Protein backbone atom coordinates (compact mmCIF):
# COMPACT_ATOMS: atom_id res chain seq x y z
CA MET A 1 44.09 -77.77 71.41
CA LYS A 2 41.46 -79.83 69.60
CA ARG A 3 42.52 -82.91 67.64
CA ILE A 4 41.28 -83.32 64.08
CA LEU A 5 42.03 -86.41 62.03
CA THR A 6 41.91 -86.36 58.25
CA ILE A 7 41.59 -89.66 56.40
CA ALA A 8 42.34 -88.97 52.77
CA GLY A 9 44.73 -89.27 49.84
CA SER A 10 47.98 -87.42 49.31
CA ASP A 11 48.20 -84.75 46.60
CA SER A 12 51.78 -84.43 45.37
CA GLY A 13 50.90 -80.96 44.06
CA GLY A 14 49.99 -79.83 47.58
CA GLY A 15 46.66 -78.26 46.66
CA ALA A 16 44.17 -80.89 47.82
CA GLY A 17 43.91 -84.02 49.94
CA ILE A 18 45.93 -84.51 53.10
CA GLN A 19 48.11 -81.50 52.36
CA ALA A 20 45.19 -79.08 52.04
CA ASP A 21 43.47 -80.57 55.08
CA LEU A 22 46.47 -80.23 57.38
CA LYS A 23 47.10 -76.64 56.27
CA THR A 24 43.48 -75.76 56.99
CA ILE A 25 43.33 -77.50 60.36
CA THR A 26 46.56 -75.86 61.51
CA LEU A 27 45.57 -72.38 60.36
CA LEU A 28 42.25 -72.65 62.18
CA GLY A 29 43.99 -73.57 65.43
CA GLY A 30 43.55 -77.34 65.54
CA PHE A 31 46.07 -80.15 65.86
CA GLY A 32 46.01 -82.07 62.59
CA MET A 33 46.63 -85.80 62.25
CA SER A 34 46.52 -87.90 59.10
CA VAL A 35 45.77 -91.34 57.78
CA LEU A 36 46.78 -91.81 54.15
CA THR A 37 44.49 -93.90 51.97
CA ALA A 38 46.23 -93.37 48.62
CA LEU A 39 49.24 -91.69 47.06
CA THR A 40 48.63 -89.70 43.90
CA ALA A 41 50.95 -88.35 41.23
CA GLN A 42 49.00 -85.17 40.75
CA ASN A 43 49.34 -81.55 39.66
CA THR A 44 47.00 -78.73 38.60
CA VAL A 45 46.24 -80.44 35.30
CA SER A 46 45.57 -84.09 36.09
CA VAL A 47 46.08 -87.15 38.27
CA SER A 48 48.59 -89.25 36.35
CA ALA A 49 48.80 -92.17 38.79
CA ILE A 50 47.18 -93.49 41.96
CA HIS A 51 48.79 -95.93 44.38
CA ALA A 52 46.25 -97.27 46.84
CA VAL A 53 47.49 -97.84 50.38
CA PRO A 54 46.84 -101.46 51.50
CA PRO A 55 43.72 -101.66 53.74
CA GLU A 56 45.69 -103.34 56.53
CA PHE A 57 48.07 -100.39 56.69
CA ILE A 58 45.16 -97.91 56.70
CA GLY A 59 43.86 -99.80 59.72
CA GLN A 60 47.26 -99.69 61.41
CA GLN A 61 47.44 -95.92 60.94
CA LEU A 62 43.96 -95.52 62.43
CA ASP A 63 44.84 -97.71 65.41
CA ALA A 64 48.06 -95.80 66.02
CA VAL A 65 46.31 -92.44 66.12
CA LEU A 66 43.01 -93.28 67.78
CA SER A 67 44.35 -95.65 70.46
CA ASP A 68 46.84 -93.09 71.71
CA ILE A 69 46.03 -89.49 70.73
CA GLY A 70 42.32 -89.78 69.95
CA ALA A 71 40.31 -87.35 67.83
CA ASP A 72 37.72 -84.67 68.61
CA ALA A 73 36.54 -84.79 64.99
CA VAL A 74 37.33 -86.75 61.86
CA LYS A 75 36.95 -85.94 58.18
CA THR A 76 37.22 -88.38 55.33
CA GLY A 77 38.20 -87.46 51.80
CA MET A 78 39.52 -89.69 49.03
CA LEU A 79 39.04 -93.33 50.04
CA PHE A 80 39.37 -94.79 46.51
CA ASN A 81 38.10 -98.36 47.00
CA ALA A 82 35.65 -100.48 48.96
CA ASP A 83 38.24 -102.16 51.16
CA ALA A 84 39.53 -98.80 52.35
CA ILE A 85 36.00 -97.66 53.18
CA LYS A 86 35.29 -100.85 55.14
CA VAL A 87 38.40 -100.59 57.31
CA VAL A 88 37.78 -96.88 57.99
CA ALA A 89 34.15 -97.52 58.95
CA ASP A 90 35.13 -100.46 61.19
CA ARG A 91 37.81 -98.53 63.06
CA LEU A 92 35.76 -95.35 63.53
CA SER A 93 32.91 -97.45 64.86
CA ALA A 94 35.21 -99.42 67.19
CA TYR A 95 36.66 -96.24 68.67
CA GLY A 96 33.24 -94.63 69.07
CA THR A 97 34.03 -91.60 66.91
CA LYS A 98 31.01 -89.27 66.78
CA LYS A 99 31.91 -86.12 64.87
CA ILE A 100 32.57 -87.45 61.38
CA VAL A 101 32.52 -85.25 58.28
CA VAL A 102 32.28 -87.35 55.12
CA ASP A 103 33.42 -85.58 51.97
CA PRO A 104 32.43 -88.14 49.30
CA VAL A 105 35.32 -87.40 46.96
CA MET A 106 34.63 -89.10 43.65
CA VAL A 107 36.22 -87.11 40.82
CA ALA A 108 39.17 -84.69 40.68
CA LYS A 109 38.88 -81.21 39.12
CA GLY A 110 40.42 -82.54 35.92
CA GLY A 111 37.89 -85.38 35.69
CA ASP A 112 40.03 -88.21 37.08
CA VAL A 113 38.14 -90.86 39.07
CA LEU A 114 39.07 -90.85 42.76
CA LEU A 115 36.45 -93.36 43.96
CA VAL A 116 36.01 -96.48 41.87
CA GLN A 117 32.46 -97.43 40.87
CA GLU A 118 32.16 -100.55 43.05
CA ALA A 119 33.17 -98.56 46.14
CA ARG A 120 30.21 -96.20 45.94
CA GLU A 121 27.74 -98.77 47.27
CA THR A 122 30.08 -99.43 50.19
CA LEU A 123 30.31 -95.72 50.90
CA VAL A 124 26.51 -95.49 51.04
CA ALA A 125 26.11 -98.65 53.11
CA ARG A 126 28.96 -98.28 55.59
CA LEU A 127 30.32 -94.76 55.99
CA ILE A 128 27.61 -92.25 55.14
CA PRO A 129 25.26 -93.60 57.86
CA MET A 130 27.99 -92.83 60.42
CA ALA A 131 28.42 -89.21 59.35
CA LEU A 132 27.44 -86.21 61.40
CA VAL A 133 27.45 -84.39 58.08
CA VAL A 134 28.11 -85.46 54.50
CA THR A 135 29.29 -82.75 52.08
CA PRO A 136 28.76 -83.66 48.40
CA ASN A 137 29.07 -81.16 45.59
CA ILE A 138 26.39 -81.15 42.88
CA THR A 139 28.02 -83.91 40.84
CA GLU A 140 28.52 -86.13 43.87
CA ALA A 141 24.98 -85.47 45.09
CA GLU A 142 23.67 -86.53 41.67
CA VAL A 143 25.59 -89.81 41.92
CA LEU A 144 24.45 -90.50 45.47
CA SER A 145 20.79 -89.56 44.88
CA GLU A 146 20.68 -90.96 41.34
CA ARG A 147 18.88 -87.87 40.10
CA SER A 148 19.72 -84.82 38.04
CA ILE A 149 20.18 -81.51 39.89
CA ARG A 150 19.42 -78.27 38.06
CA SER A 151 17.47 -76.20 40.57
CA LYS A 152 16.89 -75.53 44.25
CA ASP A 153 14.01 -78.01 44.26
CA ASP A 154 16.35 -80.63 42.82
CA ILE A 155 18.87 -79.90 45.60
CA HIS A 156 16.18 -80.32 48.23
CA GLY A 157 15.05 -83.58 46.68
CA ALA A 158 18.58 -84.96 46.53
CA ALA A 159 19.25 -83.87 50.12
CA ARG A 160 16.20 -85.80 51.30
CA ILE A 161 17.38 -88.94 49.51
CA ILE A 162 20.91 -88.69 50.91
CA HIS A 163 19.61 -87.93 54.40
CA ALA A 164 17.60 -91.13 54.27
CA MET A 165 20.92 -92.98 53.99
CA GLY A 166 21.59 -92.17 57.65
CA PRO A 167 23.70 -89.04 58.19
CA GLN A 168 22.45 -86.44 60.68
CA TYR A 169 23.01 -83.60 58.21
CA VAL A 170 23.50 -83.23 54.47
CA LEU A 171 25.34 -80.22 53.04
CA ILE A 172 25.04 -79.99 49.26
CA LYS A 173 27.52 -77.49 47.83
CA GLY A 174 26.05 -75.42 45.01
CA GLY A 175 29.27 -74.20 43.42
CA HIS A 176 28.58 -76.06 40.17
CA LEU A 177 25.27 -74.28 39.54
CA GLU A 178 24.84 -70.80 38.09
CA GLY A 179 24.20 -67.73 40.26
CA PRO A 180 25.54 -67.10 43.77
CA ALA A 181 27.58 -69.89 45.36
CA THR A 182 24.85 -71.21 47.65
CA ASP A 183 25.20 -74.31 49.82
CA CYS A 184 22.19 -76.06 51.32
CA LEU A 185 22.21 -77.77 54.73
CA TYR A 186 19.42 -80.23 55.53
CA ASP A 187 18.75 -81.66 58.99
CA GLY A 188 15.88 -83.97 58.07
CA GLN A 189 13.24 -81.27 58.56
CA ASP A 190 14.50 -77.85 57.56
CA PHE A 191 16.79 -76.40 54.91
CA PHE A 192 19.38 -73.72 55.67
CA GLU A 193 21.21 -71.77 52.97
CA PHE A 194 24.75 -70.37 53.10
CA SER A 195 25.46 -68.05 50.21
CA LYS A 196 28.41 -66.01 48.94
CA VAL A 197 29.01 -64.04 45.75
CA ARG A 198 30.39 -66.33 43.07
CA ILE A 199 34.07 -65.79 42.30
CA ASP A 200 35.02 -66.14 38.67
CA THR A 201 38.31 -68.04 38.88
CA PRO A 202 39.75 -71.32 37.62
CA HIS A 203 41.86 -71.68 40.76
CA THR A 204 39.58 -73.92 42.80
CA HIS A 205 41.67 -77.05 43.24
CA GLY A 206 41.20 -78.50 46.73
CA THR A 207 38.18 -76.38 47.68
CA GLY A 208 36.12 -79.36 48.81
CA CYS A 209 38.99 -80.59 50.97
CA VAL A 210 39.55 -77.20 52.58
CA TYR A 211 35.83 -76.70 53.18
CA SER A 212 35.23 -80.09 54.84
CA ALA A 213 38.43 -79.82 56.90
CA ALA A 214 37.29 -76.40 58.13
CA ILE A 215 33.87 -77.79 59.08
CA ALA A 216 35.50 -80.66 60.97
CA THR A 217 37.82 -78.28 62.80
CA HIS A 218 34.97 -76.00 63.88
CA LEU A 219 32.93 -79.00 65.01
CA ALA A 220 35.88 -80.21 67.08
CA MET A 221 35.87 -76.79 68.73
CA GLU A 222 32.31 -77.40 69.95
CA LEU A 223 30.50 -75.21 67.42
CA GLU A 224 27.00 -76.25 66.43
CA ILE A 225 26.65 -77.50 62.87
CA LYS A 226 25.11 -74.33 61.40
CA GLU A 227 27.78 -72.09 62.91
CA ALA A 228 30.51 -74.50 61.86
CA VAL A 229 29.27 -74.46 58.26
CA GLU A 230 28.85 -70.68 58.25
CA LYS A 231 32.42 -70.10 59.45
CA ALA A 232 33.79 -72.70 57.07
CA LYS A 233 31.87 -71.11 54.19
CA SER A 234 33.47 -67.73 54.93
CA PHE A 235 36.88 -69.38 55.16
CA ILE A 236 36.59 -71.18 51.82
CA HIS A 237 35.24 -68.03 50.18
CA ASP A 238 38.43 -66.15 51.13
CA SER A 239 40.52 -69.13 50.06
CA ILE A 240 38.91 -69.18 46.61
CA ARG A 241 39.01 -65.42 46.13
CA PHE A 242 42.76 -65.41 46.65
CA GLY A 243 43.51 -68.76 45.01
CA PHE A 244 47.04 -69.39 43.78
CA PRO A 245 47.56 -69.08 39.99
CA LEU A 246 50.00 -71.99 40.03
CA GLY A 247 50.61 -74.50 37.26
CA LYS A 248 48.89 -74.82 33.91
CA GLY A 249 45.46 -75.96 35.09
CA HIS A 250 43.27 -75.44 38.15
CA GLY A 251 45.44 -73.66 40.71
CA PRO A 252 44.81 -74.39 44.39
CA ALA A 253 42.66 -72.47 46.83
CA ASN A 254 44.62 -70.39 49.33
CA PRO A 255 43.68 -71.09 52.96
CA PHE A 256 46.40 -68.72 54.18
CA ALA A 257 44.82 -65.58 52.69
CA ARG A 258 43.05 -64.21 55.77
CA PHE A 259 45.97 -65.01 58.04
CA ALA A 260 48.41 -63.21 55.76
CA ARG A 261 46.37 -60.06 56.28
CA GLU A 262 46.68 -60.29 60.05
CA GLN A 263 50.36 -61.19 59.93
CA GLU A 264 51.25 -58.18 57.80
CA LYS A 265 49.52 -55.43 59.81
CA TYR A 266 52.58 -54.37 61.79
CA ARG A 267 54.83 -54.38 58.72
CA VAL A 268 52.35 -52.29 56.72
CA LEU A 269 52.19 -49.60 59.40
CA GLU A 270 55.97 -49.53 59.84
CA ALA A 271 56.50 -49.24 56.09
CA LEU A 272 54.22 -46.20 55.96
CA LYS A 273 56.03 -44.53 58.87
CA ALA A 274 59.41 -45.11 57.25
CA CYS A 275 58.29 -43.69 53.91
CA LEU A 276 56.74 -40.62 55.52
CA ALA A 277 60.09 -39.97 57.18
CA ARG A 278 61.77 -40.13 53.75
CA LEU A 279 59.28 -37.66 52.29
CA GLN A 280 59.62 -35.29 55.26
CA LYS A 281 63.40 -35.31 55.02
CA ALA A 282 63.25 -34.45 51.31
CA SER A 283 60.92 -31.43 51.80
CA VAL A 284 58.45 -32.21 49.04
CA GLY A 285 55.63 -30.02 50.34
CA ASP A 286 55.29 -28.38 46.93
CA LEU A 287 53.69 -31.60 45.66
CA VAL A 288 50.82 -31.49 48.18
CA PRO A 289 47.49 -30.47 46.55
CA GLU A 290 44.87 -28.11 48.00
CA VAL A 291 42.88 -31.05 49.39
CA GLN A 292 46.09 -32.42 50.96
CA SER A 293 47.82 -35.75 50.24
CA ASN A 294 47.64 -39.23 51.61
CA LEU A 295 49.80 -42.31 51.29
CA GLY A 296 48.16 -45.71 51.58
CA TYR A 297 49.31 -49.32 51.80
CA ALA A 298 47.05 -52.35 51.71
CA LEU A 299 47.40 -55.68 53.43
CA PRO A 300 47.93 -58.69 51.18
CA PHE A 301 44.57 -59.98 49.92
CA ALA A 302 42.84 -56.77 51.04
CA GLU A 303 39.05 -56.80 50.65
CA THR A 304 37.70 -53.68 52.35
CA HIS A 305 38.77 -50.14 53.27
CA GLN A 306 39.63 -51.45 56.72
CA ASP A 307 42.39 -53.55 55.12
CA VAL A 308 44.15 -50.42 53.83
CA ALA A 309 46.26 -48.22 56.11
CA ALA A 310 46.79 -44.48 55.55
CA PHE A 311 47.27 -41.30 57.60
CA PRO A 312 44.22 -39.98 59.51
CA GLY A 313 43.66 -36.32 58.71
CA ARG A 314 45.82 -36.69 55.59
CA LEU A 315 49.34 -35.38 54.93
CA VAL A 316 49.43 -31.59 55.21
CA ARG A 317 51.82 -29.08 53.65
CA LEU A 318 53.73 -26.95 56.15
CA GLY A 319 56.02 -24.70 54.18
CA LYS A 320 58.26 -27.02 52.20
CA ARG A 321 57.57 -29.97 54.47
CA ILE A 322 54.91 -32.66 54.72
CA VAL A 323 53.36 -33.09 58.16
CA SER A 324 51.09 -35.88 59.42
CA VAL A 325 48.34 -35.27 61.94
CA SER A 326 48.93 -38.71 63.46
CA GLY A 327 50.53 -42.05 62.72
CA PRO A 328 49.11 -44.40 60.07
CA ALA A 329 46.03 -46.45 60.83
CA PHE A 330 43.81 -48.94 59.04
CA GLY A 331 40.59 -47.55 57.59
CA ALA A 332 41.89 -43.98 57.79
CA SER A 333 41.17 -42.94 54.18
CA ARG A 334 38.36 -44.16 51.95
CA HIS A 335 39.72 -42.17 48.99
CA ILE A 336 43.19 -43.67 48.80
CA ALA A 337 41.85 -47.09 49.84
CA THR A 338 39.34 -47.07 46.98
CA ILE A 339 42.11 -46.46 44.47
CA ILE A 340 44.33 -49.19 45.90
CA LEU A 341 41.54 -51.78 46.16
CA THR A 342 40.53 -51.11 42.56
CA ILE A 343 44.11 -51.53 41.38
CA MET A 344 44.50 -54.76 43.36
CA ARG A 345 41.59 -56.29 41.49
CA HIS A 346 43.80 -56.07 38.40
CA ASP A 347 47.14 -56.87 40.02
CA PRO A 348 47.22 -57.82 43.73
CA ASP A 349 50.94 -57.00 43.95
CA PHE A 350 50.25 -53.26 43.57
CA ARG A 351 49.22 -52.32 47.08
CA SER A 352 50.26 -48.68 47.54
CA ALA A 353 49.37 -45.23 46.18
CA MET A 354 49.78 -41.53 46.96
CA ASN A 355 47.93 -38.51 45.57
CA ILE A 356 49.90 -35.36 44.68
CA ARG A 357 49.02 -32.06 43.03
CA PHE A 358 48.34 -31.85 39.33
CA SER A 359 50.02 -29.70 36.74
CA GLU A 360 50.61 -30.16 33.04
CA GLY A 361 54.29 -29.66 33.75
CA LEU A 362 54.39 -32.53 36.24
CA ILE A 363 52.62 -34.83 33.78
CA GLN A 364 55.20 -33.98 31.11
CA GLN A 365 58.00 -34.66 33.59
CA CYS A 366 56.50 -38.08 34.34
CA LYS A 367 56.54 -38.85 30.63
CA ASP A 368 60.09 -37.52 30.28
CA LEU A 369 61.11 -39.93 33.05
CA GLY A 370 59.82 -42.77 30.90
CA TRP A 371 56.94 -43.61 33.19
CA THR A 372 53.66 -45.13 32.08
CA VAL A 373 51.01 -42.44 32.42
CA TYR A 374 47.25 -43.02 32.07
CA SER A 375 44.32 -40.68 32.65
CA PHE A 376 40.53 -40.53 32.84
CA ASP A 377 38.10 -37.72 32.07
CA ARG A 378 35.72 -36.81 34.91
CA SER A 379 33.35 -35.14 32.43
CA GLU A 380 32.54 -38.63 31.11
CA GLU A 381 31.53 -39.88 34.54
CA PRO A 382 27.90 -41.15 34.59
CA GLN A 383 25.50 -39.03 36.64
CA ALA A 384 24.58 -42.02 38.82
CA ILE A 385 28.25 -42.41 39.78
CA LYS A 386 28.60 -38.70 40.56
CA GLU A 387 25.63 -38.87 42.90
CA GLN A 388 27.03 -41.84 44.79
CA GLU A 389 29.47 -40.66 47.44
CA GLY A 390 32.96 -42.08 47.02
CA SER A 391 32.29 -43.82 43.69
CA SER A 392 34.14 -41.42 41.36
CA LEU A 393 37.64 -42.67 42.11
CA GLU A 394 36.68 -46.29 41.70
CA TRP A 395 34.94 -45.49 38.42
CA GLY A 396 37.89 -43.51 37.07
CA THR A 397 40.55 -46.00 38.12
CA GLU A 398 38.57 -48.95 36.81
CA ARG A 399 37.87 -47.12 33.55
CA VAL A 400 41.61 -46.77 32.97
CA LEU A 401 42.70 -50.23 34.05
CA SER A 402 39.95 -52.10 32.19
CA LYS A 403 41.45 -50.84 28.92
CA GLU A 404 45.09 -51.58 29.72
CA THR A 405 47.22 -54.67 30.26
CA ARG A 406 49.57 -53.32 32.92
CA ILE A 407 49.47 -51.13 36.02
CA PRO A 408 50.83 -47.65 35.21
CA ASP A 409 53.14 -45.51 37.30
CA ILE A 410 50.68 -42.61 37.22
CA ILE A 411 46.92 -42.15 36.86
CA PHE A 412 45.70 -38.56 36.65
CA ASP A 413 42.58 -36.53 35.88
CA ARG A 414 42.14 -32.84 35.08
CA GLY A 415 39.25 -32.40 37.51
CA ASP A 416 35.67 -31.25 37.01
CA MET A 417 33.17 -28.92 38.64
CA GLY A 418 34.07 -28.93 42.34
CA LYS A 419 36.76 -31.60 41.81
CA GLU A 420 40.44 -30.68 42.05
CA PRO A 421 42.64 -32.19 39.33
CA MET A 422 44.92 -34.85 40.77
CA ILE A 423 47.87 -37.16 40.11
CA ARG A 424 48.00 -40.59 41.74
CA VAL A 425 51.38 -42.27 42.05
CA LEU A 426 51.10 -46.08 42.13
CA GLY A 427 53.47 -48.77 43.37
CA ARG A 428 53.78 -52.22 44.82
CA ASN A 429 54.70 -50.77 48.22
CA PRO A 430 55.27 -47.37 49.86
CA ASP A 431 59.00 -47.44 49.10
CA GLU A 432 58.26 -47.76 45.40
CA VAL A 433 55.73 -44.92 45.59
CA ALA A 434 58.12 -42.73 47.58
CA ASP A 435 60.92 -43.41 45.10
CA LYS A 436 58.73 -42.06 42.31
CA VAL A 437 57.55 -39.03 44.29
CA LEU A 438 61.12 -38.12 45.26
CA LYS A 439 62.36 -38.63 41.72
CA LEU A 440 59.58 -36.37 40.43
CA ALA A 441 60.39 -33.75 43.07
CA GLN A 442 64.07 -33.85 42.13
CA SER A 443 63.19 -33.56 38.44
CA SER A 444 61.02 -30.52 39.20
CA LYS A 445 63.81 -28.91 41.22
CA LEU A 446 66.35 -29.40 38.43
CA LYS A 447 63.92 -28.00 35.89
CA ALA A 448 63.29 -24.92 38.03
CA GLU A 449 67.04 -24.31 38.36
CA ARG A 450 67.63 -24.26 34.60
């Protein structure tokens, strides 16, 4: 296991600093070690106090780790003052550390200063020249280069100035500019861009820490710089997309998102099997439409159809029973997955859905049960959507949810030319969906007996 040392401040809120670094390193398969440079009283809103660790003790921490365990890569974050920078630079030089990622942390998300003014010259003179890569955001790059950055040309100019300070590579993060979130890596000759779709979210606390820790971890694992940055960029993109809406300010990025998906795969499949058994036992075949049914369940933080499990070949009516062609599998149904993924964009807790046959009677029964029932009209579907295979369900579901403030129990449509009318039963998980389907089936049975 590769050893990665983070030299940074502590975030009492857990979203940035040492805490974010160690989470990232561990999740990516490294062994994380830490040297604290400052303690902060911090949450999602502000940094209310900073207690700088004495430089001598920073040095003692570095000696303890590097003289015994050693490090395959090091990242630095919040260093706060010039004395801290000097002792870090001296120790890393003395121990011959080569793979150093310098994240020049200067200001917190809320605007609080994390690197005092007089320390910036020391950072430029002592630590940046030692870096394999330095990773400023736009604001930090403006401070280091002493020039305004508003365009790609400005980024290139700033990168050249910072590279002249001595690092082997400069990675300027473009998250603070408009357009796609594009980062620019400069090696002294060529520029390389790493771009992702911008995510509109306030929950970005700790993103710089997670990103630089991921780069350091990949470098420790012998990846070349471009591959290390590319993998780290993908990792931070997922972390931002599924950021935690914690606190009253900037919630933290979520480095666990992609691992939660992997961890949940077995449980998702087992939940679908168990719910199918419930439906089969109850003999609810009368609810299966002409095009057959399917029951889907998405992984947490699902992004694509491959993150949603359903039954290949759909659920088929056999007399009064529901029969599956095979066991559930991921990527088995684009239709049910499209509905679930669209719903999750509005509320990520709602991860399951099932389609059943439509009738006006069933819709009235849903209303009589006190359920929330929404619908869309396929006749209003734009021609361009109709011509695009698989887009109708996303359009219809989004059309409903964009006008409402909560996820309903039911979304239905009355069909159109060549489109069977359909009811979709929604829930947080398959058990919740099955409960509704069984309750509706029981209600239908009682009504028929009257």
